[in-house]
Amino acid sequence: MRHAEEVTFGGSGLDRAAELRGDIPALAALMQAPETRTVLLWRGKVLMSQDGSGLCRLPLDHPVLAEARGEPLFLGREDSGAIFSHDISGWEPEGEAPGEGGFLDSTEQAHPACPGAHFVELRALLTQLTPRDAELGATARALFGWHQSHGFCARCGTKSDVFMAGWQRICPSCGAHHFPRTDPVVIMLITRGNACLLGRSPGWPEGMFSCLAGFVEPGETLEAAVRREVVEEAGIKVGAVRYLASQPWPFPASLMIGCHGEAESDEIEIDPNEIETARWVSREELAAAFDGSNPGLQPARRGSIANFLLRNWLADRLD
């Protein structure tokens, strides 16, 4: 798909400088360099400039970093210098408590040491971030999330140590090496003639529909995963399947693998344990939903790969 990397989190060509991750003297020098910057996270949210200029890049002597817990992560190099990331999730904001649960946490938090900036949920920024800011934010969020949930050795249970500038954990007891986890998820644009198959999950905003999706199972190809998930969720048999585009989705650690599948049946039979409902939506209905003239249908949010696939299908740009 020629437009594949235009999707949010699709990549910006960041130099991840993997050769430096195990070079302790080089990393120490980078952390002393005046041009080096860090992006700041708090409970999965990224620090954004209040003026809308993007992701905040703080110098490593910024006073807020005194509240960082754990080690900084090395994200890579930009033209202006090295980029790290710090996490200050131990900070407790005064006043309004952060939102929890629901479809999206829309609350924002301001740290007193960072005037003119606020912590924002990445999913609320899908259409606002530059490709570089999106890649940095997604990478930092996914990495910190992995460290938070994988602090102990999966082989022997001993607390593991951070190595390779945050890109590896090693067990001091049994020596096992652990690497950041990414879970493959197929997300399917299923079409039959002039219509596509959309479904919705419980708890989504009223009227919102999206492409069906599901985790790839061990020993399964992407094509097989597409066919299995669509049958399980909607009872639709799928024939030809092809890959279209992918999107890192750090909520918490998925890689959304966008595929196009051609339906061989059209009678929907949902599994209520999987989805709330599903329906066939014509091109005309979907186009009206995108332009706001079909209030009963709200497509997946702009910036998601589902929205990206649907828009490209409408524009005949899947090739």
Protein backbone atom coordinates (compact mmCIF):
# COMPACT_ATOMS: atom_id res chain seq x y z
CA MET A 1 0.00 0.00 0.00
CA ARG A 2 1.71 3.18 -1.22
CA HIS A 3 0.33 5.38 1.56
CA ALA A 4 0.95 2.90 4.38
CA GLU A 5 3.35 5.02 6.45
CA GLU A 6 1.00 8.00 6.53
CA VAL A 7 -0.89 6.36 9.40
CA THR A 8 -0.40 7.85 12.89
CA PHE A 9 2.62 6.27 14.65
CA GLY A 10 3.66 5.10 11.19
CA GLY A 11 7.25 6.14 11.69
CA SER A 12 9.35 9.24 11.14
CA GLY A 13 12.76 7.81 10.29
CA LEU A 14 14.03 8.30 13.85
CA ASP A 15 17.62 7.12 14.24
CA ARG A 16 17.20 4.70 17.14
CA ALA A 17 20.99 4.30 17.41
CA ALA A 18 20.77 0.72 18.65
CA GLU A 19 24.56 0.44 18.51
CA LEU A 20 24.80 2.85 21.46
CA ARG A 21 22.43 1.04 23.81
CA GLY A 22 25.17 -1.11 25.32
CA ASP A 23 27.92 1.52 25.13
CA ILE A 24 27.94 2.87 28.69
CA PRO A 25 30.67 5.53 28.14
CA ALA A 26 28.89 6.84 25.04
CA LEU A 27 25.54 7.00 26.82
CA ALA A 28 27.14 8.78 29.78
CA ALA A 29 28.63 11.34 27.40
CA LEU A 30 25.26 11.87 25.75
CA MET A 31 23.63 12.46 29.13
CA GLN A 32 26.18 15.17 29.83
CA ALA A 33 25.82 16.85 26.43
CA PRO A 34 23.98 20.20 26.64
CA GLU A 35 21.96 19.50 23.50
CA THR A 36 20.53 16.20 24.79
CA ARG A 37 16.82 16.23 25.59
CA THR A 38 14.23 13.98 27.22
CA VAL A 39 10.50 13.47 26.76
CA LEU A 40 8.55 13.17 29.99
CA LEU A 41 5.80 10.68 30.84
CA TRP A 42 3.39 10.48 33.73
CA ARG A 43 1.21 7.38 34.07
CA GLY A 44 1.33 6.81 30.34
CA LYS A 45 0.60 10.42 29.38
CA VAL A 46 3.12 12.59 27.52
CA LEU A 47 4.12 16.13 28.40
CA MET A 48 2.89 18.51 25.71
CA SER A 49 3.44 22.21 25.22
CA GLN A 50 0.40 24.32 26.12
CA ASP A 51 0.90 26.46 23.00
CA GLY A 52 0.37 23.46 20.74
CA SER A 53 3.94 23.31 19.46
CA GLY A 54 4.21 19.62 20.27
CA LEU A 55 5.93 17.18 22.56
CA CYS A 56 8.07 18.89 25.21
CA ARG A 57 11.78 18.15 24.99
CA LEU A 58 13.37 18.97 28.34
CA PRO A 59 17.08 19.40 29.13
CA LEU A 60 18.48 16.70 31.41
CA ASP A 61 19.15 19.20 34.20
CA HIS A 62 15.47 20.19 34.41
CA PRO A 63 14.34 20.18 38.07
CA VAL A 64 11.27 18.03 37.36
CA LEU A 65 13.55 15.07 36.60
CA ALA A 66 14.39 14.82 40.30
CA GLU A 67 10.99 13.11 40.61
CA ALA A 68 11.81 10.46 37.99
CA ARG A 69 11.61 6.89 39.18
CA GLY A 70 13.69 4.20 37.56
CA GLU A 71 16.25 4.69 34.85
CA PRO A 72 15.84 6.87 31.76
CA LEU A 73 15.29 5.16 28.43
CA PHE A 74 17.38 5.97 25.37
CA LEU A 75 15.08 6.57 22.40
CA GLY A 76 17.59 7.60 19.75
CA ARG A 77 19.05 10.62 17.99
CA GLU A 78 17.50 13.60 16.26
CA ASP A 79 19.42 16.14 14.20
CA SER A 80 19.60 18.35 17.28
CA GLY A 81 20.92 15.65 19.62
CA ALA A 82 20.15 12.52 21.60
CA ILE A 83 16.66 11.87 22.97
CA PHE A 84 15.89 10.05 26.23
CA SER A 85 12.66 9.57 28.14
CA HIS A 86 11.94 9.82 31.88
CA ASP A 87 8.89 8.73 33.86
CA ILE A 88 7.53 10.63 36.89
CA SER A 89 4.48 8.47 37.60
CA GLY A 90 5.13 8.73 41.34
CA TRP A 91 4.09 12.39 41.30
CA GLU A 92 0.65 13.05 42.78
CA PRO A 93 -1.07 16.09 41.22
CA GLU A 94 -3.03 18.41 43.44
CA GLY A 95 -6.68 19.17 42.84
CA GLU A 96 -8.74 17.18 40.35
CA ALA A 97 -7.93 13.48 40.24
CA PRO A 98 -7.03 12.04 36.83
CA GLY A 99 -9.80 10.28 34.98
CA GLU A 100 -9.92 6.51 35.09
CA GLY A 101 -11.72 3.97 32.97
CA GLY A 102 -14.05 4.83 30.11
CA PHE A 103 -13.19 5.09 26.46
CA LEU A 104 -10.67 7.91 26.81
CA ASP A 105 -9.12 9.86 29.68
CA SER A 106 -9.52 13.46 28.52
CA THR A 107 -8.18 15.05 31.70
CA GLU A 108 -4.89 16.95 31.61
CA GLN A 109 -2.39 17.48 34.43
CA ALA A 110 0.06 20.36 34.87
CA HIS A 111 3.22 19.94 36.94
CA PRO A 112 4.29 23.10 38.83
CA ALA A 113 7.88 22.66 37.65
CA CYS A 114 6.76 22.70 33.99
CA PRO A 115 4.81 25.92 33.41
CA GLY A 116 3.19 26.12 30.00
CA ALA A 117 2.98 22.35 29.62
CA HIS A 118 0.51 19.59 30.49
CA PHE A 119 0.30 15.80 30.46
CA VAL A 120 -2.09 14.48 27.81
CA GLU A 121 -3.27 10.99 26.87
CA LEU A 122 -1.68 9.98 23.54
CA ARG A 123 -5.01 8.77 22.14
CA ALA A 124 -6.34 12.31 22.47
CA LEU A 125 -3.50 13.58 20.26
CA LEU A 126 -3.76 11.29 17.25
CA THR A 127 -4.47 14.06 14.76
CA GLN A 128 -2.21 16.68 16.37
CA LEU A 129 1.19 15.03 16.63
CA THR A 130 3.92 15.31 14.03
CA PRO A 131 5.25 11.95 12.81
CA ARG A 132 8.38 12.40 14.94
CA ASP A 133 6.49 13.33 18.11
CA ALA A 134 4.13 10.41 17.53
CA GLU A 135 7.01 7.95 17.18
CA LEU A 136 8.79 9.25 20.27
CA GLY A 137 5.62 9.27 22.36
CA ALA A 138 4.52 5.81 21.27
CA THR A 139 7.97 4.31 21.80
CA ALA A 140 8.40 5.81 25.26
CA ARG A 141 4.90 4.82 26.38
CA ALA A 142 5.26 1.25 25.17
CA LEU A 143 8.71 0.80 26.71
CA PHE A 144 7.79 2.18 30.12
CA GLY A 145 4.62 0.10 30.09
CA TRP A 146 6.66 -3.03 29.40
CA HIS A 147 9.08 -2.32 32.25
CA GLN A 148 6.17 -1.71 34.62
CA SER A 149 4.55 -5.06 33.86
CA HIS A 150 7.67 -7.18 33.30
CA GLY A 151 9.87 -6.39 36.27
CA PHE A 152 10.38 -10.03 37.26
CA CYS A 153 12.00 -12.87 35.40
CA ALA A 154 9.45 -15.05 33.60
CA ARG A 155 11.74 -18.06 34.05
CA CYS A 156 12.55 -18.00 37.78
CA GLY A 157 10.61 -15.08 39.28
CA THR A 158 13.60 -13.02 40.42
CA LYS A 159 13.44 -9.24 40.03
CA SER A 160 15.29 -8.43 36.82
CA ASP A 161 17.62 -5.52 36.07
CA VAL A 162 17.42 -2.93 33.29
CA PHE A 163 20.12 -3.15 30.61
CA MET A 164 20.81 -1.78 27.14
CA ALA A 165 19.50 1.70 27.99
CA GLY A 166 16.04 0.32 28.70
CA TRP A 167 15.79 -2.09 25.75
CA GLN A 168 16.46 -5.25 27.72
CA ARG A 169 16.07 -6.78 31.17
CA ILE A 170 18.42 -9.46 32.52
CA CYS A 171 17.75 -11.75 35.44
CA PRO A 172 20.62 -11.64 37.98
CA SER A 173 19.69 -15.12 39.20
CA CYS A 174 19.31 -17.33 36.13
CA GLY A 175 20.76 -15.00 33.49
CA ALA A 176 17.66 -14.95 31.28
CA HIS A 177 17.41 -12.04 28.84
CA HIS A 178 14.02 -10.39 28.33
CA PHE A 179 13.12 -8.02 25.51
CA PRO A 180 10.27 -5.50 25.06
CA ARG A 181 7.09 -7.27 24.06
CA THR A 182 4.92 -6.38 21.09
CA ASP A 183 1.62 -8.21 20.54
CA PRO A 184 0.54 -8.67 16.89
CA VAL A 185 -3.09 -7.79 16.22
CA VAL A 186 -4.82 -8.15 12.86
CA ILE A 187 -7.36 -5.46 12.02
CA MET A 188 -9.47 -6.23 9.00
CA LEU A 189 -11.16 -4.21 6.31
CA ILE A 190 -13.63 -6.88 5.15
CA THR A 191 -15.51 -6.02 1.96
CA ARG A 192 -18.20 -7.61 -0.16
CA GLY A 193 -19.13 -5.69 -3.26
CA ASN A 194 -20.02 -2.11 -2.32
CA ALA A 195 -20.07 -2.68 1.44
CA CYS A 196 -17.64 -3.21 4.31
CA LEU A 197 -18.14 -5.08 7.57
CA LEU A 198 -18.02 -2.99 10.75
CA GLY A 199 -18.61 -3.91 14.37
CA ARG A 200 -18.69 -2.30 17.79
CA SER A 201 -17.67 -3.30 21.30
CA PRO A 202 -19.55 -2.55 24.52
CA GLY A 203 -18.52 0.72 26.14
CA TRP A 204 -17.75 2.52 22.89
CA PRO A 205 -19.33 5.94 22.25
CA GLU A 206 -22.88 5.67 20.93
CA GLY A 207 -22.97 4.94 17.21
CA MET A 208 -19.25 4.20 16.89
CA PHE A 209 -18.32 1.33 14.56
CA SER A 210 -14.91 0.12 13.47
CA CYS A 211 -13.14 -2.67 11.63
CA LEU A 212 -13.01 -6.04 13.35
CA ALA A 213 -9.72 -6.92 15.04
CA GLY A 214 -8.11 -9.63 17.13
CA PHE A 215 -4.82 -11.00 18.43
CA VAL A 216 -2.75 -13.36 16.31
CA GLU A 217 -2.45 -16.73 18.03
CA PRO A 218 0.74 -18.85 18.33
CA GLY A 219 1.44 -20.89 15.21
CA GLU A 220 -0.95 -18.79 13.09
CA THR A 221 -0.36 -16.80 9.92
CA LEU A 222 -1.80 -13.32 9.53
CA GLU A 223 -4.17 -14.57 6.85
CA ALA A 224 -5.42 -17.37 9.07
CA ALA A 225 -5.88 -14.95 11.96
CA VAL A 226 -8.02 -12.67 9.79
CA ARG A 227 -10.26 -15.52 8.69
CA ARG A 228 -10.57 -16.99 12.19
CA GLU A 229 -11.35 -13.69 13.92
CA VAL A 230 -14.02 -12.67 11.39
CA VAL A 231 -15.74 -16.05 11.66
CA GLU A 232 -15.57 -15.99 15.46
CA GLU A 233 -16.88 -12.45 15.81
CA ALA A 234 -19.36 -12.13 12.96
CA GLY A 235 -19.84 -15.56 11.38
CA ILE A 236 -18.57 -14.32 8.00
CA LYS A 237 -16.31 -16.53 5.87
CA VAL A 238 -13.35 -14.73 4.29
CA GLY A 239 -11.44 -15.75 1.18
CA ALA A 240 -8.50 -13.77 -0.21
CA VAL A 241 -6.55 -11.75 2.36
CA ARG A 242 -3.76 -9.24 1.73
CA TYR A 243 -1.63 -7.01 3.92
CA LEU A 244 -2.15 -3.24 3.68
CA ALA A 245 -0.40 -1.28 6.46
CA SER A 246 0.60 -1.44 10.12
CA GLN A 247 0.38 0.86 13.12
CA PRO A 248 2.20 0.64 16.45
CA TRP A 249 -0.47 0.94 19.13
CA PRO A 250 1.11 1.40 22.58
CA PHE A 251 -2.09 0.75 24.57
CA PRO A 252 -0.36 -1.14 25.97
CA ALA A 253 1.91 -2.85 23.42
CA SER A 254 0.26 -3.90 20.16
CA LEU A 255 1.22 -3.76 16.52
CA MET A 256 -1.97 -3.34 14.51
CA ILE A 257 -1.56 -5.19 11.20
CA GLY A 258 -4.06 -3.85 8.70
CA CYS A 259 -5.38 -6.35 6.16
CA HIS A 260 -8.00 -6.43 3.43
CA GLY A 261 -10.19 -9.51 3.25
CA GLU A 262 -12.83 -10.46 0.70
CA ALA A 263 -15.98 -11.89 2.26
CA GLU A 264 -17.45 -15.07 0.80
CA SER A 265 -20.70 -14.85 2.74
CA ASP A 266 -22.84 -12.00 4.01
CA GLU A 267 -25.13 -13.38 6.73
CA ILE A 268 -23.91 -11.99 10.07
CA GLU A 269 -24.05 -14.10 13.21
CA ILE A 270 -22.22 -12.35 16.04
CA ASP A 271 -20.66 -13.85 19.13
CA PRO A 272 -21.93 -11.59 21.96
CA ASN A 273 -18.89 -12.53 24.01
CA GLU A 274 -16.70 -10.92 21.33
CA ILE A 275 -18.62 -7.88 20.06
CA GLU A 276 -21.88 -6.08 20.71
CA THR A 277 -23.07 -5.96 17.10
CA ALA A 278 -21.89 -5.89 13.48
CA ARG A 279 -23.32 -4.61 10.22
CA TRP A 280 -22.59 -4.15 6.55
CA VAL A 281 -22.07 -0.50 5.66
CA SER A 282 -22.22 0.74 2.08
CA ARG A 283 -19.73 3.20 0.61
CA GLU A 284 -22.44 5.82 0.50
CA GLU A 285 -23.36 5.33 4.17
CA LEU A 286 -19.71 5.47 5.21
CA ALA A 287 -19.02 8.57 3.13
CA ALA A 288 -22.00 10.27 4.76
CA ALA A 289 -20.70 9.27 8.20
CA PHE A 290 -17.34 10.85 7.47
CA ASP A 291 -18.89 14.12 6.30
CA GLY A 292 -21.26 14.26 9.28
CA SER A 293 -24.51 13.73 7.40
CA ASN A 294 -25.11 10.24 8.83
CA PRO A 295 -25.44 10.88 12.58
CA GLY A 296 -26.38 7.28 13.32
CA LEU A 297 -22.93 6.05 12.30
CA GLN A 298 -19.72 7.26 13.89
CA PRO A 299 -16.63 5.73 12.27
CA ALA A 300 -13.44 4.91 14.16
CA ARG A 301 -11.59 8.00 15.33
CA ARG A 302 -9.32 9.83 12.94
CA GLY A 303 -5.72 8.82 13.52
CA SER A 304 -6.53 5.16 14.12
CA ILE A 305 -5.56 2.58 11.50
CA ALA A 306 -9.23 1.61 11.16
CA ASN A 307 -10.12 5.16 10.11
CA PHE A 308 -7.09 5.18 7.79
CA LEU A 309 -8.13 1.95 6.06
CA LEU A 310 -11.74 3.03 5.67
CA ARG A 311 -10.83 6.39 4.18
CA ASN A 312 -8.43 4.79 1.72
CA TRP A 313 -11.09 2.25 0.72
CA LEU A 314 -13.52 5.08 0.00
CA ALA A 315 -10.87 6.84 -2.08
CA ASP A 316 -9.89 3.64 -3.96
CA ARG A 317 -6.34 3.92 -2.61
CA LEU A 318 -5.79 0.45 -1.16
CA ASP A 319 -3.16 -0.44 -3.78
